[in-house]
Amino acid sequence: MFLLQIDWWLIGQKVILIGGIISLSMVVAMYSTYAERKVAAFLQDRIGPNRAGPFGLLQPMADGLKLFMKEEIIPMTSSRFLFILGPMLAMITAMLTSAVIPWGSTIDISGHKVPLQIADINIGVLYIFGVVSLGVYGIMIGGWASNNKFSLLAAIRGASQMISYELAMGLSLIAVLMISGSLRMSVIVNEQIAHGWNVIYQPLGFLIFLVCALAECNRTPFDLPEAENELNFGYHQEYSSMKLGFYLFAEYINMFISGVVLSTLFFGGYDIPFVNEAAWGDHWWVGLIAFSVLMAKASFFIFLFMWIRWTIPRFRYDQLMNLGWKGLLPLSLVNMLITAVVVLLLKK
């Protein structure tokens, strides 16, 4: 009797959506490594990868095969369980964030309404911050379990950096929540479709969130946890084979998800500029177009992250902390207070 009450159609479409998003994240992470090397080559007047396949397009597969085939070494003095757990946590937390993101509008398949969102929970923004805050455990556990002083020092750097910039990131987002009036990601997107993108009303909040996203992803100029000229290699120095690959993949997945979150919170998500896609109906191809628009916006931010990496030099650690605590945190507080006053006056 219980089995008859289960909505197998809903379960099936959720499973397919989860599998599709995980596969998409992995493919984007793979080809982000290729794009990073091509962008770096372009900015430095080089060619970049061009041997594996036409235009070097098979280079990510060659790199993945190399990581799988390399010898896997676990140091004798390491904490074996935690050493294995670190990369797993990094990958899991990188993937979990995508669960509440609306990847497109609701589509109609054989009379069934299918939302392109895994979980439309009413605390979507809090869920994202909760999962992001767990990401530091992957770095910290990996550095601690390696029993290497350089790895531990890099992990401590990473933990303090992520905690510092999460505060400014959260405060910058409170202003967006005041405008949208909801923590639900789908509501935030629908509000932007109806009243304009949040970046128009919150340009300062967007800039603060963008800088904090760079720090959260350990991207230059905030890649202090991986400062090889200071720390020999970083928190994953003792890792090899696919355990190292998990850490590297997690970084690129985080960069991709950060681009999607930025697009969703400030640039209307899957909203097509100057087009009323709701008038087209719930056809599957409308959802595909909306999804492609979101991917285009996220791809722009991925390119922006890469452009910044190969343009701006790395900060010193004291500069990193000063910017987070003395610069972005007060600025986000001022932005939040101004937004609160404006919203209050408009309601009156």
C-alpha atoms as a PDB file:
ATOM      1  CA  MET A   1       0.000   0.000   0.000  1.00  0.00           C
ATOM      2  CA  PHE A   2       2.871   2.329   0.886  1.00  0.00           C
ATOM      3  CA  LEU A   3       4.588   1.650  -2.448  1.00  0.00           C
ATOM      4  CA  LEU A   4       1.438   2.662  -4.347  1.00  0.00           C
ATOM      5  CA  GLN A   5       1.504   6.096  -2.678  1.00  0.00           C
ATOM      6  CA  ILE A   6       5.052   6.884  -3.814  1.00  0.00           C
ATOM      7  CA  ASP A   7       5.251   9.367  -6.688  1.00  0.00           C
ATOM      8  CA  TRP A   8       7.667   7.404  -8.869  1.00  0.00           C
ATOM      9  CA  TRP A   9       7.531  10.043 -11.610  1.00  0.00           C
ATOM     10  CA  LEU A  10       8.753  12.713  -9.177  1.00  0.00           C
ATOM     11  CA  ILE A  11      11.488  10.447  -7.819  1.00  0.00           C
ATOM     12  CA  GLY A  12      12.582   9.524 -11.345  1.00  0.00           C
ATOM     13  CA  GLN A  13      12.844  13.099 -12.582  1.00  0.00           C
ATOM     14  CA  LYS A  14      14.733  14.134  -9.413  1.00  0.00           C
ATOM     15  CA  VAL A  15      17.211  11.268  -9.872  1.00  0.00           C
ATOM     16  CA  ILE A  16      17.728  12.219 -13.521  1.00  0.00           C
ATOM     17  CA  LEU A  17      18.166  15.893 -12.564  1.00  0.00           C
ATOM     18  CA  ILE A  18      20.689  15.042  -9.818  1.00  0.00           C
ATOM     19  CA  GLY A  19      22.648  12.804 -12.188  1.00  0.00           C
ATOM     20  CA  GLY A  20      22.583  15.453 -14.902  1.00  0.00           C
ATOM     21  CA  ILE A  21      23.822  18.237 -12.594  1.00  0.00           C
ATOM     22  CA  ILE A  22      26.615  16.075 -11.156  1.00  0.00           C
ATOM     23  CA  SER A  23      27.705  15.076 -14.663  1.00  0.00           C
ATOM     24  CA  LEU A  24      27.508  18.699 -15.820  1.00  0.00           C
ATOM     25  CA  SER A  25      29.610  19.871 -12.861  1.00  0.00           C
ATOM     26  CA  MET A  26      32.268  17.243 -13.561  1.00  0.00           C
ATOM     27  CA  VAL A  27      32.434  18.076 -17.279  1.00  0.00           C
ATOM     28  CA  VAL A  28      32.594  21.820 -16.565  1.00  0.00           C
ATOM     29  CA  ALA A  29      35.351  21.216 -13.995  1.00  0.00           C
ATOM     30  CA  MET A  30      37.291  19.124 -16.525  1.00  0.00           C
ATOM     31  CA  TYR A  31      37.097  21.682 -19.278  1.00  0.00           C
ATOM     32  CA  SER A  32      37.653  24.590 -16.892  1.00  0.00           C
ATOM     33  CA  THR A  33      41.204  23.271 -16.488  1.00  0.00           C
ATOM     34  CA  TYR A  34      41.555  23.350 -20.283  1.00  0.00           C
ATOM     35  CA  ALA A  35      40.005  26.839 -20.468  1.00  0.00           C
ATOM     36  CA  GLU A  36      42.298  28.074 -17.673  1.00  0.00           C
ATOM     37  CA  ARG A  37      45.374  27.005 -19.601  1.00  0.00           C
ATOM     38  CA  LYS A  38      44.055  28.475 -22.848  1.00  0.00           C
ATOM     39  CA  VAL A  39      43.153  31.790 -21.196  1.00  0.00           C
ATOM     40  CA  ALA A  40      46.570  31.916 -19.515  1.00  0.00           C
ATOM     41  CA  ALA A  41      48.236  31.178 -22.847  1.00  0.00           C
ATOM     42  CA  PHE A  42      46.247  33.913 -24.600  1.00  0.00           C
ATOM     43  CA  LEU A  43      47.082  36.514 -21.944  1.00  0.00           C
ATOM     44  CA  GLN A  44      50.767  35.510 -22.000  1.00  0.00           C
ATOM     45  CA  ASP A  45      51.004  35.283 -25.808  1.00  0.00           C
ATOM     46  CA  ARG A  46      51.425  31.488 -25.845  1.00  0.00           C
ATOM     47  CA  ILE A  47      49.593  28.646 -27.588  1.00  0.00           C
ATOM     48  CA  GLY A  48      48.499  26.506 -24.643  1.00  0.00           C
ATOM     49  CA  PRO A  49      47.436  22.823 -24.887  1.00  0.00           C
ATOM     50  CA  ASN A  50      47.354  21.720 -28.537  1.00  0.00           C
ATOM     51  CA  ARG A  51      48.661  18.139 -28.669  1.00  0.00           C
ATOM     52  CA  ALA A  52      45.935  15.904 -27.209  1.00  0.00           C
ATOM     53  CA  GLY A  53      43.168  15.887 -29.811  1.00  0.00           C
ATOM     54  CA  PRO A  54      42.123  18.719 -32.158  1.00  0.00           C
ATOM     55  CA  PHE A  55      42.989  22.096 -30.571  1.00  0.00           C
ATOM     56  CA  GLY A  56      43.985  20.177 -27.441  1.00  0.00           C
ATOM     57  CA  LEU A  57      40.349  19.375 -26.565  1.00  0.00           C
ATOM     58  CA  LEU A  58      41.262  15.937 -25.205  1.00  0.00           C
ATOM     59  CA  GLN A  59      43.798  17.390 -22.760  1.00  0.00           C
ATOM     60  CA  PRO A  60      41.414  17.183 -19.741  1.00  0.00           C
ATOM     61  CA  MET A  61      40.867  13.469 -20.432  1.00  0.00           C
ATOM     62  CA  ALA A  62      44.621  12.932 -20.668  1.00  0.00           C
ATOM     63  CA  ASP A  63      45.105  14.750 -17.353  1.00  0.00           C
ATOM     64  CA  GLY A  64      42.354  12.689 -15.714  1.00  0.00           C
ATOM     65  CA  LEU A  65      43.862   9.434 -17.004  1.00  0.00           C
ATOM     66  CA  LYS A  66      47.263  10.517 -15.686  1.00  0.00           C
ATOM     67  CA  LEU A  67      45.809  11.150 -12.220  1.00  0.00           C
ATOM     68  CA  PHE A  68      44.065   7.745 -12.216  1.00  0.00           C
ATOM     69  CA  MET A  69      47.240   5.927 -13.326  1.00  0.00           C
ATOM     70  CA  LYS A  70      49.634   7.637 -10.926  1.00  0.00           C
ATOM     71  CA  GLU A  71      50.833   5.765  -7.846  1.00  0.00           C
ATOM     72  CA  GLU A  72      48.716   6.494  -4.776  1.00  0.00           C
ATOM     73  CA  ILE A  73      50.839   7.250  -1.740  1.00  0.00           C
ATOM     74  CA  ILE A  74      49.560   7.615   1.827  1.00  0.00           C
ATOM     75  CA  PRO A  75      52.304   8.858   4.193  1.00  0.00           C
ATOM     76  CA  MET A  76      53.192   6.442   6.998  1.00  0.00           C
ATOM     77  CA  THR A  77      52.813   9.117   9.693  1.00  0.00           C
ATOM     78  CA  SER A  78      49.473  10.459   8.435  1.00  0.00           C
ATOM     79  CA  SER A  79      46.059   9.851  10.025  1.00  0.00           C
ATOM     80  CA  ARG A  80      44.846   7.403   7.392  1.00  0.00           C
ATOM     81  CA  PHE A  81      41.075   7.762   7.887  1.00  0.00           C
ATOM     82  CA  LEU A  82      41.147  11.569   7.957  1.00  0.00           C
ATOM     83  CA  PHE A  83      43.644  11.630   5.087  1.00  0.00           C
ATOM     84  CA  ILE A  84      41.112   9.804   2.906  1.00  0.00           C
ATOM     85  CA  LEU A  85      38.145  11.768   4.290  1.00  0.00           C
ATOM     86  CA  GLY A  86      39.567  15.225   3.409  1.00  0.00           C
ATOM     87  CA  PRO A  87      39.263  15.043  -0.410  1.00  0.00           C
ATOM     88  CA  MET A  88      35.873  13.319  -0.102  1.00  0.00           C
ATOM     89  CA  LEU A  89      34.515  16.197   1.996  1.00  0.00           C
ATOM     90  CA  ALA A  90      35.893  18.751  -0.452  1.00  0.00           C
ATOM     91  CA  MET A  91      34.088  17.081  -3.375  1.00  0.00           C
ATOM     92  CA  ILE A  92      30.818  16.440  -1.498  1.00  0.00           C
ATOM     93  CA  THR A  93      30.470  20.013  -0.221  1.00  0.00           C
ATOM     94  CA  ALA A  94      31.315  21.355  -3.686  1.00  0.00           C
ATOM     95  CA  MET A  95      28.477  19.294  -5.195  1.00  0.00           C
ATOM     96  CA  LEU A  96      25.831  19.844  -2.492  1.00  0.00           C
ATOM     97  CA  THR A  97      25.474  23.572  -3.157  1.00  0.00           C
ATOM     98  CA  SER A  98      23.850  22.919  -6.539  1.00  0.00           C
ATOM     99  CA  ALA A  99      20.781  21.279  -4.941  1.00  0.00           C
ATOM    100  CA  VAL A 100      18.851  24.534  -4.364  1.00  0.00           C
ATOM    101  CA  ILE A 101      19.802  26.391  -7.543  1.00  0.00           C
ATOM    102  CA  PRO A 102      16.974  26.840 -10.102  1.00  0.00           C
ATOM    103  CA  TRP A 103      18.673  25.736 -13.322  1.00  0.00           C
ATOM    104  CA  GLY A 104      15.766  26.763 -15.535  1.00  0.00           C
ATOM    105  CA  SER A 105      12.045  27.411 -15.660  1.00  0.00           C
ATOM    106  CA  THR A 106       9.413  24.707 -15.123  1.00  0.00           C
ATOM    107  CA  ILE A 107       8.925  22.596 -18.247  1.00  0.00           C
ATOM    108  CA  ASP A 108       6.081  20.378 -19.435  1.00  0.00           C
ATOM    109  CA  ILE A 109       6.906  16.740 -20.261  1.00  0.00           C
ATOM    110  CA  SER A 110       3.958  14.515 -21.211  1.00  0.00           C
ATOM    111  CA  GLY A 111       1.586  16.615 -19.149  1.00  0.00           C
ATOM    112  CA  HIS A 112       3.847  16.605 -16.081  1.00  0.00           C
ATOM    113  CA  LYS A 113       5.234  19.888 -14.723  1.00  0.00           C
ATOM    114  CA  VAL A 114       8.956  19.362 -14.133  1.00  0.00           C
ATOM    115  CA  PRO A 115      10.842  22.075 -12.190  1.00  0.00           C
ATOM    116  CA  LEU A 116      14.538  22.249 -13.087  1.00  0.00           C
ATOM    117  CA  GLN A 117      15.495  22.497  -9.424  1.00  0.00           C
ATOM    118  CA  ILE A 118      16.365  19.611  -7.136  1.00  0.00           C
ATOM    119  CA  ALA A 119      15.032  21.123  -3.891  1.00  0.00           C
ATOM    120  CA  ASP A 120      13.053  24.366  -3.706  1.00  0.00           C
ATOM    121  CA  ILE A 121      13.399  24.818   0.055  1.00  0.00           C
ATOM    122  CA  ASN A 122      12.371  28.013   1.826  1.00  0.00           C
ATOM    123  CA  ILE A 123      15.839  28.514   3.343  1.00  0.00           C
ATOM    124  CA  GLY A 124      17.780  28.095   0.107  1.00  0.00           C
ATOM    125  CA  VAL A 125      20.260  30.916   0.774  1.00  0.00           C
ATOM    126  CA  LEU A 126      20.955  29.658   4.317  1.00  0.00           C
ATOM    127  CA  TYR A 127      21.477  26.165   2.897  1.00  0.00           C
ATOM    128  CA  ILE A 128      24.118  27.504   0.489  1.00  0.00           C
ATOM    129  CA  PHE A 129      25.968  29.273   3.299  1.00  0.00           C
ATOM    130  CA  GLY A 130      25.720  26.207   5.514  1.00  0.00           C
ATOM    131  CA  VAL A 131      27.255  23.960   2.858  1.00  0.00           C
ATOM    132  CA  VAL A 132      29.920  26.529   1.937  1.00  0.00           C
ATOM    133  CA  SER A 133      30.947  26.826   5.583  1.00  0.00           C
ATOM    134  CA  LEU A 134      31.431  23.034   5.692  1.00  0.00           C
ATOM    135  CA  GLY A 135      33.897  23.258   2.799  1.00  0.00           C
ATOM    136  CA  VAL A 136      36.608  24.467   5.155  1.00  0.00           C
ATOM    137  CA  TYR A 137      36.619  21.041   6.850  1.00  0.00           C
ATOM    138  CA  GLY A 138      37.915  19.380   3.685  1.00  0.00           C
ATOM    139  CA  ILE A 139      40.881  21.764   3.640  1.00  0.00           C
ATOM    140  CA  MET A 140      41.499  21.654   7.387  1.00  0.00           C
ATOM    141  CA  ILE A 141      41.234  17.883   7.716  1.00  0.00           C
ATOM    142  CA  GLY A 142      43.496  17.323   4.698  1.00  0.00           C
ATOM    143  CA  GLY A 143      46.195  19.615   6.097  1.00  0.00           C
ATOM    144  CA  TRP A 144      45.954  18.156   9.607  1.00  0.00           C
ATOM    145  CA  ALA A 145      45.872  14.501   8.559  1.00  0.00           C
ATOM    146  CA  SER A 146      48.973  14.866   6.363  1.00  0.00           C
ATOM    147  CA  ASN A 147      51.149  15.384   9.465  1.00  0.00           C
ATOM    148  CA  ASN A 148      53.152  17.937   7.502  1.00  0.00           C
ATOM    149  CA  LYS A 149      53.843  21.354   8.982  1.00  0.00           C
ATOM    150  CA  PHE A 150      53.592  23.131   5.629  1.00  0.00           C
ATOM    151  CA  SER A 151      50.261  21.448   4.884  1.00  0.00           C
ATOM    152  CA  LEU A 152      48.924  22.331   8.341  1.00  0.00           C
ATOM    153  CA  LEU A 153      50.029  25.966   7.997  1.00  0.00           C
ATOM    154  CA  ALA A 154      48.296  26.211   4.612  1.00  0.00           C
ATOM    155  CA  ALA A 155      45.119  24.610   6.029  1.00  0.00           C
ATOM    156  CA  ILE A 156      45.063  27.136   8.896  1.00  0.00           C
ATOM    157  CA  ARG A 157      45.460  29.924   6.365  1.00  0.00           C
ATOM    158  CA  GLY A 158      42.602  28.542   4.312  1.00  0.00           C
ATOM    159  CA  ALA A 159      40.305  28.189   7.333  1.00  0.00           C
ATOM    160  CA  SER A 160      40.928  31.725   8.615  1.00  0.00           C
ATOM    161  CA  GLN A 161      40.548  33.138   5.096  1.00  0.00           C
ATOM    162  CA  MET A 162      37.218  31.420   4.445  1.00  0.00           C
ATOM    163  CA  ILE A 163      35.801  32.383   7.847  1.00  0.00           C
ATOM    164  CA  SER A 164      36.877  36.012   7.386  1.00  0.00           C
ATOM    165  CA  TYR A 165      35.323  36.435   3.966  1.00  0.00           C
ATOM    166  CA  GLU A 166      32.130  34.503   4.735  1.00  0.00           C
ATOM    167  CA  LEU A 167      31.122  37.304   7.117  1.00  0.00           C
ATOM    168  CA  ALA A 168      31.321  40.030   4.474  1.00  0.00           C
ATOM    169  CA  MET A 169      29.683  37.727   1.921  1.00  0.00           C
ATOM    170  CA  GLY A 170      26.737  37.030   4.211  1.00  0.00           C
ATOM    171  CA  LEU A 171      26.237  40.694   5.069  1.00  0.00           C
ATOM    172  CA  SER A 172      26.350  41.713   1.406  1.00  0.00           C
ATOM    173  CA  LEU A 173      23.641  39.146   0.702  1.00  0.00           C
ATOM    174  CA  ILE A 174      21.340  40.423   3.478  1.00  0.00           C
ATOM    175  CA  ALA A 175      20.751  43.529   1.352  1.00  0.00           C
ATOM    176  CA  VAL A 176      19.597  41.297  -1.537  1.00  0.00           C
ATOM    177  CA  LEU A 177      17.276  39.399   0.796  1.00  0.00           C
ATOM    178  CA  MET A 178      15.731  42.677   1.944  1.00  0.00           C
ATOM    179  CA  ILE A 179      14.840  43.485  -1.659  1.00  0.00           C
ATOM    180  CA  SER A 180      13.572  40.000  -2.524  1.00  0.00           C
ATOM    181  CA  GLY A 181      11.824  39.366   0.796  1.00  0.00           C
ATOM    182  CA  SER A 182      12.583  35.643   0.751  1.00  0.00           C
ATOM    183  CA  LEU A 183      15.376  33.103   1.297  1.00  0.00           C
ATOM    184  CA  ARG A 184      13.933  30.824  -1.404  1.00  0.00           C
ATOM    185  CA  MET A 185      16.145  30.820  -4.521  1.00  0.00           C
ATOM    186  CA  SER A 186      13.213  30.462  -6.936  1.00  0.00           C
ATOM    187  CA  VAL A 187      11.502  33.509  -5.388  1.00  0.00           C
ATOM    188  CA  ILE A 188      14.718  35.552  -5.715  1.00  0.00           C
ATOM    189  CA  VAL A 189      14.873  34.681  -9.427  1.00  0.00           C
ATOM    190  CA  ASN A 190      11.167  35.406 -10.005  1.00  0.00           C
ATOM    191  CA  GLU A 191      11.468  38.775  -8.245  1.00  0.00           C
ATOM    192  CA  GLN A 192      14.312  39.717 -10.577  1.00  0.00           C
ATOM    193  CA  ILE A 193      12.307  38.628 -13.620  1.00  0.00           C
ATOM    194  CA  ALA A 194       9.420  40.835 -12.479  1.00  0.00           C
ATOM    195  CA  HIS A 195      11.287  43.894 -11.177  1.00  0.00           C
ATOM    196  CA  GLY A 196      14.784  43.845 -12.681  1.00  0.00           C
ATOM    197  CA  TRP A 197      18.072  42.211 -11.784  1.00  0.00           C
ATOM    198  CA  ASN A 198      19.474  42.737  -8.295  1.00  0.00           C
ATOM    199  CA  VAL A 199      22.805  43.996  -9.651  1.00  0.00           C
ATOM    200  CA  ILE A 200      20.951  47.195 -10.695  1.00  0.00           C
ATOM    201  CA  TYR A 201      19.855  47.844  -7.098  1.00  0.00           C
ATOM    202  CA  GLN A 202      22.894  46.321  -5.395  1.00  0.00           C
ATOM    203  CA  PRO A 203      26.050  47.092  -7.433  1.00  0.00           C
ATOM    204  CA  LEU A 204      28.155  47.440  -4.271  1.00  0.00           C
ATOM    205  CA  GLY A 205      26.717  44.241  -2.806  1.00  0.00           C
ATOM    206  CA  PHE A 206      27.577  42.438  -6.050  1.00  0.00           C
ATOM    207  CA  LEU A 207      31.200  43.660  -5.995  1.00  0.00           C
ATOM    208  CA  ILE A 208      31.612  42.613  -2.357  1.00  0.00           C
ATOM    209  CA  PHE A 209      30.083  39.206  -3.068  1.00  0.00           C
ATOM    210  CA  LEU A 210      32.347  38.754  -6.124  1.00  0.00           C
ATOM    211  CA  VAL A 211      35.518  39.533  -4.167  1.00  0.00           C
ATOM    212  CA  CYS A 212      34.429  37.221  -1.341  1.00  0.00           C
ATOM    213  CA  ALA A 213      33.660  34.458  -3.878  1.00  0.00           C
ATOM    214  CA  LEU A 214      37.243  34.728  -5.158  1.00  0.00           C
ATOM    215  CA  ALA A 215      38.516  34.319  -1.594  1.00  0.00           C
ATOM    216  CA  GLU A 216      36.139  31.426  -0.867  1.00  0.00           C
ATOM    217  CA  CYS A 217      37.341  29.569  -3.967  1.00  0.00           C
ATOM    218  CA  ASN A 218      41.017  30.240  -3.085  1.00  0.00           C
ATOM    219  CA  ARG A 219      41.478  31.987  -6.407  1.00  0.00           C
ATOM    220  CA  THR A 220      44.186  34.540  -7.124  1.00  0.00           C
ATOM    221  CA  PRO A 221      44.782  37.099  -5.666  1.00  0.00           C
ATOM    222  CA  PHE A 222      43.497  35.202  -2.607  1.00  0.00           C
ATOM    223  CA  ASP A 223      45.196  31.825  -3.179  1.00  0.00           C
ATOM    224  CA  LEU A 224      47.278  32.046  -0.002  1.00  0.00           C
ATOM    225  CA  PRO A 225      46.487  28.437   1.082  1.00  0.00           C
ATOM    226  CA  GLU A 226      48.243  27.251  -2.089  1.00  0.00           C
ATOM    227  CA  ALA A 227      51.099  29.774  -2.106  1.00  0.00           C
ATOM    228  CA  GLU A 228      53.768  27.385  -3.369  1.00  0.00           C
ATOM    229  CA  ASN A 229      56.568  29.955  -3.085  1.00  0.00           C
ATOM    230  CA  GLU A 230      55.813  30.288   0.646  1.00  0.00           C
ATOM    231  CA  LEU A 231      54.360  26.924   1.686  1.00  0.00           C
ATOM    232  CA  ASN A 232      56.098  24.512  -0.695  1.00  0.00           C
ATOM    233  CA  PHE A 233      52.778  23.458  -2.258  1.00  0.00           C
ATOM    234  CA  GLY A 234      49.826  23.979   0.059  1.00  0.00           C
ATOM    235  CA  TYR A 235      47.397  21.956   2.151  1.00  0.00           C
ATOM    236  CA  HIS A 236      47.340  19.068  -0.377  1.00  0.00           C
ATOM    237  CA  GLN A 237      51.106  18.690  -0.627  1.00  0.00           C
ATOM    238  CA  GLU A 238      51.131  15.067   0.549  1.00  0.00           C
ATOM    239  CA  TYR A 239      48.303  13.972  -1.769  1.00  0.00           C
ATOM    240  CA  SER A 240      48.739  12.088  -5.019  1.00  0.00           C
ATOM    241  CA  SER A 241      46.686  10.316  -7.671  1.00  0.00           C
ATOM    242  CA  MET A 242      42.914  10.968  -7.603  1.00  0.00           C
ATOM    243  CA  LYS A 243      42.953  12.184  -4.000  1.00  0.00           C
ATOM    244  CA  LEU A 244      44.867  15.192  -5.276  1.00  0.00           C
ATOM    245  CA  GLY A 245      42.529  15.204  -8.274  1.00  0.00           C
ATOM    246  CA  PHE A 246      39.515  15.490  -5.953  1.00  0.00           C
ATOM    247  CA  TYR A 247      40.947  18.624  -4.352  1.00  0.00           C
ATOM    248  CA  LEU A 248      41.710  20.158  -7.742  1.00  0.00           C
ATOM    249  CA  PHE A 249      38.294  19.195  -9.130  1.00  0.00           C
ATOM    250  CA  ALA A 250      36.568  20.599  -6.029  1.00  0.00           C
ATOM    251  CA  GLU A 251      38.237  23.967  -6.636  1.00  0.00           C
ATOM    252  CA  TYR A 252      36.948  24.159 -10.210  1.00  0.00           C
ATOM    253  CA  ILE A 253      33.493  22.895  -9.248  1.00  0.00           C
ATOM    254  CA  ASN A 254      33.357  25.587  -6.548  1.00  0.00           C
ATOM    255  CA  MET A 255      34.321  28.162  -9.156  1.00  0.00           C
ATOM    256  CA  PHE A 256      31.536  26.947 -11.460  1.00  0.00           C
ATOM    257  CA  ILE A 257      28.937  26.908  -8.674  1.00  0.00           C
ATOM    258  CA  SER A 258      30.082  30.369  -7.532  1.00  0.00           C
ATOM    259  CA  GLY A 259      29.447  31.638 -11.061  1.00  0.00           C
ATOM    260  CA  VAL A 260      25.981  30.068 -11.050  1.00  0.00           C
ATOM    261  CA  VAL A 261      25.162  31.520  -7.598  1.00  0.00           C
ATOM    262  CA  LEU A 262      26.361  34.984  -8.673  1.00  0.00           C
ATOM    263  CA  SER A 263      24.198  34.732 -11.792  1.00  0.00           C
ATOM    264  CA  THR A 264      21.190  33.564  -9.766  1.00  0.00           C
ATOM    265  CA  LEU A 265      21.402  36.141  -6.987  1.00  0.00           C
ATOM    266  CA  PHE A 266      22.391  39.227  -8.977  1.00  0.00           C
ATOM    267  CA  PHE A 267      21.792  38.615 -12.702  1.00  0.00           C
ATOM    268  CA  GLY A 268      18.348  37.050 -12.796  1.00  0.00           C
ATOM    269  CA  GLY A 269      19.456  33.414 -12.962  1.00  0.00           C
ATOM    270  CA  TYR A 270      17.951  31.827 -16.059  1.00  0.00           C
ATOM    271  CA  ASP A 271      16.138  35.049 -17.016  1.00  0.00           C
ATOM    272  CA  ILE A 272      16.717  36.012 -20.653  1.00  0.00           C
ATOM    273  CA  PRO A 273      17.431  39.770 -20.923  1.00  0.00           C
ATOM    274  CA  PHE A 274      14.676  41.842 -22.573  1.00  0.00           C
ATOM    275  CA  VAL A 275      12.610  38.717 -23.360  1.00  0.00           C
ATOM    276  CA  ASN A 276       9.352  37.563 -21.751  1.00  0.00           C
ATOM    277  CA  GLU A 277      10.021  33.824 -21.913  1.00  0.00           C
ATOM    278  CA  ALA A 278       6.892  33.122 -19.816  1.00  0.00           C
ATOM    279  CA  ALA A 279       4.803  33.971 -22.904  1.00  0.00           C
ATOM    280  CA  TRP A 280       6.393  31.024 -24.727  1.00  0.00           C
ATOM    281  CA  GLY A 281       4.770  28.483 -22.416  1.00  0.00           C
ATOM    282  CA  ASP A 282       6.250  25.484 -20.596  1.00  0.00           C
ATOM    283  CA  HIS A 283       7.709  23.716 -23.633  1.00  0.00           C
ATOM    284  CA  TRP A 284      10.874  21.735 -23.014  1.00  0.00           C
ATOM    285  CA  TRP A 285      12.865  23.843 -25.457  1.00  0.00           C
ATOM    286  CA  VAL A 286      12.047  26.989 -23.448  1.00  0.00           C
ATOM    287  CA  GLY A 287      13.633  25.356 -20.398  1.00  0.00           C
ATOM    288  CA  LEU A 288      16.640  24.411 -22.518  1.00  0.00           C
ATOM    289  CA  ILE A 289      17.073  28.011 -23.694  1.00  0.00           C
ATOM    290  CA  ALA A 290      16.728  29.321 -20.121  1.00  0.00           C
ATOM    291  CA  PHE A 291      19.298  26.766 -18.908  1.00  0.00           C
ATOM    292  CA  SER A 292      21.676  27.819 -21.707  1.00  0.00           C
ATOM    293  CA  VAL A 293      21.320  31.466 -20.658  1.00  0.00           C
ATOM    294  CA  LEU A 294      22.239  30.584 -17.072  1.00  0.00           C
ATOM    295  CA  MET A 295      25.250  28.619 -18.328  1.00  0.00           C
ATOM    296  CA  ALA A 296      26.344  31.581 -20.455  1.00  0.00           C
ATOM    297  CA  LYS A 297      26.225  33.890 -17.423  1.00  0.00           C
ATOM    298  CA  ALA A 298      28.129  31.365 -15.284  1.00  0.00           C
ATOM    299  CA  SER A 299      30.720  30.905 -18.067  1.00  0.00           C
ATOM    300  CA  PHE A 300      31.319  34.648 -18.094  1.00  0.00           C
ATOM    301  CA  PHE A 301      32.125  34.589 -14.373  1.00  0.00           C
ATOM    302  CA  ILE A 302      34.415  31.569 -14.833  1.00  0.00           C
ATOM    303  CA  PHE A 303      36.290  33.521 -17.517  1.00  0.00           C
ATOM    304  CA  LEU A 304      36.384  36.557 -15.198  1.00  0.00           C
ATOM    305  CA  PHE A 305      37.903  34.454 -12.386  1.00  0.00           C
ATOM    306  CA  MET A 306      40.562  33.184 -14.806  1.00  0.00           C
ATOM    307  CA  TRP A 307      41.244  36.650 -16.184  1.00  0.00           C
ATOM    308  CA  ILE A 308      41.768  37.993 -12.664  1.00  0.00           C
ATOM    309  CA  ARG A 309      44.064  35.085 -11.807  1.00  0.00           C
ATOM    310  CA  TRP A 310      46.453  35.827 -14.649  1.00  0.00           C
ATOM    311  CA  THR A 311      46.320  39.614 -14.249  1.00  0.00           C
ATOM    312  CA  ILE A 312      46.509  40.508 -10.544  1.00  0.00           C
ATOM    313  CA  PRO A 313      49.445  39.454  -8.313  1.00  0.00           C
ATOM    314  CA  ARG A 314      48.873  37.545  -5.084  1.00  0.00           C
ATOM    315  CA  PHE A 315      48.213  39.523  -1.881  1.00  0.00           C
ATOM    316  CA  ARG A 316      50.355  39.244   1.209  1.00  0.00           C
ATOM    317  CA  TYR A 317      48.550  37.564   4.083  1.00  0.00           C
ATOM    318  CA  ASP A 318      48.297  40.766   6.125  1.00  0.00           C
ATOM    319  CA  GLN A 319      46.778  42.506   3.089  1.00  0.00           C
ATOM    320  CA  LEU A 320      44.289  39.654   2.742  1.00  0.00           C
ATOM    321  CA  MET A 321      43.145  39.981   6.366  1.00  0.00           C
ATOM    322  CA  ASN A 322      43.068  43.784   6.258  1.00  0.00           C
ATOM    323  CA  LEU A 323      40.872  43.765   3.155  1.00  0.00           C
ATOM    324  CA  GLY A 324      38.458  41.276   4.688  1.00  0.00           C
ATOM    325  CA  TRP A 325      38.098  42.748   8.177  1.00  0.00           C
ATOM    326  CA  LYS A 326      38.881  46.449   7.683  1.00  0.00           C
ATOM    327  CA  GLY A 327      37.609  46.902   4.138  1.00  0.00           C
ATOM    328  CA  LEU A 328      34.849  44.564   2.998  1.00  0.00           C
ATOM    329  CA  LEU A 329      33.198  43.940   6.376  1.00  0.00           C
ATOM    330  CA  PRO A 330      32.536  47.644   7.213  1.00  0.00           C
ATOM    331  CA  LEU A 331      31.567  48.292   3.584  1.00  0.00           C
ATOM    332  CA  SER A 332      29.018  45.455   3.609  1.00  0.00           C
ATOM    333  CA  LEU A 333      27.574  46.756   6.897  1.00  0.00           C
ATOM    334  CA  VAL A 334      27.157  50.245   5.429  1.00  0.00           C
ATOM    335  CA  ASN A 335      25.550  48.776   2.288  1.00  0.00           C
ATOM    336  CA  MET A 336      23.148  46.725   4.418  1.00  0.00           C
ATOM    337  CA  LEU A 337      22.123  49.730   6.542  1.00  0.00           C
ATOM    338  CA  ILE A 338      21.566  51.975   3.508  1.00  0.00           C
ATOM    339  CA  THR A 339      19.474  49.273   1.835  1.00  0.00           C
ATOM    340  CA  ALA A 340      17.406  48.824   5.015  1.00  0.00           C
ATOM    341  CA  VAL A 341      16.665  52.560   5.165  1.00  0.00           C
ATOM    342  CA  VAL A 342      15.718  52.735   1.468  1.00  0.00           C
ATOM    343  CA  VAL A 343      13.446  49.656   1.682  1.00  0.00           C
ATOM    344  CA  LEU A 344      11.781  51.072   4.813  1.00  0.00           C
ATOM    345  CA  LEU A 345      11.149  54.452   3.148  1.00  0.00           C
ATOM    346  CA  LEU A 346       9.745  52.812   0.007  1.00  0.00           C
ATOM    347  CA  LYS A 347       7.305  50.749   2.081  1.00  0.00           C
ATOM    348  CA  LYS A 348       6.036  53.910   3.740  1.00  0.00           C
END
